[in-house]
Amino acid sequence: MDETGSGEAAAADKGGGADAGRRALMLGALGASTVVTIRPALAQATGSVLNCEIPVPDPARAGQWIAQDGTLVPPNSEGAFPPAVRPFKGEDVKAALQGRSLPGVDYRTSQAYTNYIRRLQQGTSGFTCYASLQMPRG
């Protein structure tokens, strides 16, 4: 090989190294902006989860009452509680799952409603909200 050929090869190597360095910097910058973009989205998602609503019981079963174990029973069943007058917010349910009472109801009613919520199944109104409350947040 002559000097010119090795010189061109060396110049190509140097240029390739500079391009690789630039690419690495650009990827690093892109990664940093992605992190900044994701954090507000997670905060917004967390906020929407805490504002979602869970009806007790769901509208398809609105006439039924809630037994202490969370099952649905016919109206006026002994030891059962009437349906909630309004859906509960996700943040209220989250607090109830951690031991507090749901707002606007006494302790025993709150326990029954919370037991009902724990028994929610996919396809039931409020299930997606409840499932979202169970997901760990980063």
Protein backbone atom coordinates (compact mmCIF):
# COMPACT_ATOMS: atom_id res chain seq x y z
CA MET A 1 0.00 0.00 0.00
CA ASP A 2 1.19 3.48 -0.67
CA GLU A 3 1.16 6.44 1.64
CA THR A 4 -1.86 8.00 -0.02
CA GLY A 5 -3.97 4.88 0.44
CA SER A 6 -3.09 4.56 4.13
CA GLY A 7 -3.63 8.31 4.58
CA GLU A 8 -7.11 8.03 3.09
CA ALA A 9 -7.87 5.05 5.27
CA ALA A 10 -6.67 6.93 8.35
CA ALA A 11 -8.78 9.97 7.41
CA ALA A 12 -11.81 7.71 6.91
CA ASP A 13 -11.20 6.13 10.33
CA LYS A 14 -10.96 9.53 11.98
CA GLY A 15 -14.11 10.73 10.23
CA GLY A 16 -15.95 7.56 11.24
CA GLY A 17 -14.89 8.06 14.84
CA ALA A 18 -16.15 11.63 14.83
CA ASP A 19 -19.45 10.51 13.29
CA ALA A 20 -19.78 7.81 15.93
CA GLY A 21 -19.13 10.36 18.66
CA ARG A 22 -21.73 12.72 17.22
CA ARG A 23 -24.25 9.89 16.99
CA ALA A 24 -23.62 8.95 20.61
CA LEU A 25 -24.16 12.57 21.70
CA MET A 26 -27.35 12.82 19.66
CA LEU A 27 -28.67 9.56 21.12
CA GLY A 28 -27.83 10.76 24.62
CA ALA A 29 -29.70 14.02 24.01
CA LEU A 30 -32.64 12.13 22.56
CA GLY A 31 -32.71 9.83 25.60
CA ALA A 32 -32.68 12.79 27.99
CA SER A 33 -35.59 14.47 26.22
CA THR A 34 -37.52 11.20 26.32
CA VAL A 35 -37.13 11.00 30.09
CA VAL A 36 -38.34 14.58 30.46
CA THR A 37 -41.33 13.80 28.21
CA ILE A 38 -42.32 10.57 30.02
CA ARG A 39 -42.32 11.97 33.57
CA PRO A 40 -45.20 14.45 33.00
CA ALA A 41 -47.13 11.71 31.20
CA LEU A 42 -46.75 9.41 34.22
CA ALA A 43 -47.85 12.20 36.54
CA GLN A 44 -50.88 12.84 34.37
CA ALA A 45 -51.71 9.10 34.28
CA THR A 46 -51.43 8.90 38.06
CA GLY A 47 -53.72 11.91 38.39
CA SER A 48 -56.32 10.40 36.07
CA VAL A 49 -56.23 7.11 37.98
CA LEU A 50 -56.93 8.92 41.24
CA ASN A 51 -59.84 10.76 39.58
CA CYS A 52 -61.47 7.71 37.97
CA GLU A 53 -64.74 6.52 39.50
CA ILE A 54 -66.09 3.23 40.81
CA PRO A 55 -69.86 2.86 41.21
CA VAL A 56 -71.05 0.58 44.03
CA PRO A 57 -72.65 -1.47 42.62
CA ASP A 58 -72.15 -1.01 38.89
CA PRO A 59 -75.15 0.42 36.96
CA ALA A 60 -76.16 -2.99 35.57
CA ARG A 61 -76.81 -4.18 39.15
CA ALA A 62 -78.04 -0.85 40.58
CA GLY A 63 -81.07 -2.29 42.42
CA GLN A 64 -79.06 -4.75 44.50
CA TRP A 65 -77.62 -4.19 47.96
CA ILE A 66 -74.13 -5.06 49.18
CA ALA A 67 -73.56 -7.73 51.83
CA GLN A 68 -70.75 -7.37 54.37
CA ASP A 69 -68.54 -9.73 52.31
CA GLY A 70 -69.02 -7.60 49.18
CA THR A 71 -71.45 -9.88 47.37
CA LEU A 72 -74.64 -8.50 45.85
CA VAL A 73 -77.92 -9.48 47.50
CA PRO A 74 -81.59 -8.58 47.02
CA PRO A 75 -82.74 -5.20 48.37
CA ASN A 76 -83.46 -4.97 52.10
CA SER A 77 -81.53 -8.18 52.87
CA GLU A 78 -80.65 -8.45 56.54
CA GLY A 79 -77.16 -7.14 57.32
CA ALA A 80 -76.75 -5.69 53.81
CA PHE A 81 -76.23 -2.08 52.80
CA PRO A 82 -78.04 0.00 50.18
CA PRO A 83 -76.14 1.04 47.07
CA ALA A 84 -73.86 4.05 47.32
CA VAL A 85 -75.54 7.30 46.34
CA ARG A 86 -72.63 8.26 44.06
CA PRO A 87 -69.53 6.59 42.58
CA PHE A 88 -66.33 6.76 44.63
CA LYS A 89 -63.21 8.50 43.29
CA GLY A 90 -60.08 6.42 42.76
CA GLU A 91 -58.18 8.32 45.46
CA ASP A 92 -60.96 7.59 48.00
CA VAL A 93 -60.93 3.90 47.08
CA LYS A 94 -57.14 3.78 47.32
CA ALA A 95 -57.31 5.26 50.84
CA ALA A 96 -60.07 2.78 51.78
CA LEU A 97 -57.96 -0.14 50.54
CA GLN A 98 -55.27 1.08 52.94
CA GLY A 99 -57.64 1.08 55.94
CA ARG A 100 -59.53 4.38 55.86
CA SER A 101 -63.28 4.65 55.43
CA LEU A 102 -64.90 5.71 52.20
CA PRO A 103 -66.33 9.25 52.38
CA GLY A 104 -69.95 9.71 53.40
CA VAL A 105 -70.49 6.25 54.89
CA ASP A 106 -69.92 4.63 58.26
CA TYR A 107 -67.15 2.12 58.95
CA ARG A 108 -69.22 -1.07 58.41
CA THR A 109 -70.74 0.23 55.17
CA SER A 110 -67.28 1.25 53.96
CA GLN A 111 -65.98 -2.26 54.67
CA ALA A 112 -68.82 -3.81 52.67
CA TYR A 113 -68.31 -1.42 49.76
CA THR A 114 -64.56 -1.98 49.82
CA ASN A 115 -65.12 -5.75 49.81
CA TYR A 116 -67.42 -5.29 46.79
CA ILE A 117 -64.71 -3.28 45.02
CA ARG A 118 -62.09 -5.96 45.74
CA ARG A 119 -64.36 -8.50 44.05
CA LEU A 120 -64.79 -6.50 40.83
CA GLN A 121 -64.28 -8.55 37.68
CA GLN A 122 -63.28 -7.53 34.19
CA GLY A 123 -66.27 -6.21 32.28
CA THR A 124 -67.81 -4.68 35.42
CA SER A 125 -68.09 -0.91 35.61
CA GLY A 126 -65.24 0.39 37.79
CA PHE A 127 -62.96 -2.62 37.21
CA THR A 128 -60.44 -0.70 35.08
CA CYS A 129 -60.20 2.02 37.71
CA TYR A 130 -59.70 -0.56 40.49
CA ALA A 131 -57.10 -2.45 38.44
CA SER A 132 -55.23 0.81 37.79
CA LEU A 133 -55.09 1.50 41.52
CA GLN A 134 -53.37 -1.85 42.03
CA MET A 135 -50.51 -1.07 39.62
CA PRO A 136 -47.31 0.20 41.19
CA ARG A 137 -46.35 3.73 40.18
CA GLY A 138 -42.81 4.75 39.30
